[in-house]
């Protein structure tokens, strides 16, 4: 699986905050990469509510699980 990120400056103005979100997403992807199918994944951040690390990681875990289940059925 491969990962692509798109985080607009309009969504998260601060460069340090954008980089922090990117680091969290990459780390979550790295930890869950083995259970994901071999597909290209693009994450587009569209909301400012991702400032809490715990919420972001929880949401990412849910999405990784959804992808895993969807591609096991197909």
Protein backbone atom coordinates (compact mmCIF):
# COMPACT_ATOMS: atom_id res chain seq x y z
CA UNK A 1 0.00 0.00 0.00
CA UNK A 2 1.14 3.54 -0.70
CA UNK A 3 0.06 6.78 0.93
CA UNK A 4 -0.53 10.27 -0.45
CA UNK A 5 -1.37 13.33 1.63
CA UNK A 6 -3.12 16.57 0.70
CA UNK A 7 -3.40 19.19 3.42
CA UNK A 8 -4.29 22.66 2.18
CA UNK A 9 -2.89 25.78 3.76
CA UNK A 10 -6.45 27.12 3.99
CA UNK A 11 -7.45 24.20 6.22
CA UNK A 12 -4.46 24.28 8.59
CA UNK A 13 -2.64 27.60 8.38
CA UNK A 14 0.35 26.87 10.58
CA UNK A 15 3.15 24.92 8.88
CA UNK A 16 4.10 23.25 12.14
CA UNK A 17 0.52 22.07 12.68
CA UNK A 18 0.34 20.74 9.08
CA UNK A 19 3.61 18.88 9.58
CA UNK A 20 2.41 17.43 12.88
CA UNK A 21 -0.76 16.12 11.23
CA UNK A 22 1.29 14.64 8.39
CA UNK A 23 3.63 12.92 10.86
CA UNK A 24 0.69 11.43 12.76
CA UNK A 25 -0.95 10.16 9.58
CA UNK A 26 2.29 8.64 8.28
CA UNK A 27 2.99 6.92 11.59
CA UNK A 28 -0.53 5.50 11.78
CA UNK A 29 -0.21 4.28 8.19
CA UNK A 30 3.18 2.69 8.93
CA UNK A 31 1.76 0.81 11.93
CA UNK A 32 -1.26 -0.47 9.96
CA UNK A 33 0.35 -1.00 6.56
CA UNK A 34 0.65 -4.78 6.87
CA UNK A 35 -3.09 -5.32 7.28
CA UNK A 36 -4.06 -3.03 4.38
CA UNK A 37 -4.49 -4.23 0.80
CA UNK A 38 -1.99 -3.24 -1.90
CA UNK A 39 -3.72 -0.07 -3.04
CA UNK A 40 -2.84 3.61 -3.30
CA UNK A 41 -4.47 5.67 -0.53
CA UNK A 42 -4.85 9.45 -0.71
CA UNK A 43 -5.87 11.31 2.44
CA UNK A 44 -7.34 14.77 1.94
CA UNK A 45 -7.69 16.80 5.13
CA UNK A 46 -10.79 18.99 4.90
CA UNK A 47 -11.52 19.88 8.50
CA UNK A 48 -9.80 21.87 11.22
CA UNK A 49 -11.08 19.58 13.96
CA UNK A 50 -8.01 17.35 13.67
CA UNK A 51 -5.96 19.27 16.20
CA UNK A 52 -6.43 16.65 18.91
CA UNK A 53 -3.90 13.81 18.36
CA UNK A 54 -6.01 11.17 20.09
CA UNK A 55 -9.10 11.94 17.97
CA UNK A 56 -7.07 11.93 14.76
CA UNK A 57 -5.44 8.58 15.53
CA UNK A 58 -8.77 7.06 16.53
CA UNK A 59 -10.40 8.23 13.30
CA UNK A 60 -7.50 6.88 11.24
CA UNK A 61 -7.75 3.48 12.94
CA UNK A 62 -11.45 3.35 12.06
CA UNK A 63 -10.69 4.19 8.44
CA UNK A 64 -7.91 1.58 8.18
CA UNK A 65 -10.34 -1.02 9.56
CA UNK A 66 -13.02 0.00 7.06
CA UNK A 67 -10.56 -0.31 4.18
CA UNK A 68 -9.43 -3.72 5.39
CA UNK A 69 -13.00 -5.05 5.64
CA UNK A 70 -14.04 -3.55 2.30
CA UNK A 71 -11.18 -5.10 0.37
CA UNK A 72 -11.48 -8.50 2.08
CA UNK A 73 -15.06 -8.73 0.79
CA UNK A 74 -14.13 -7.74 -2.76
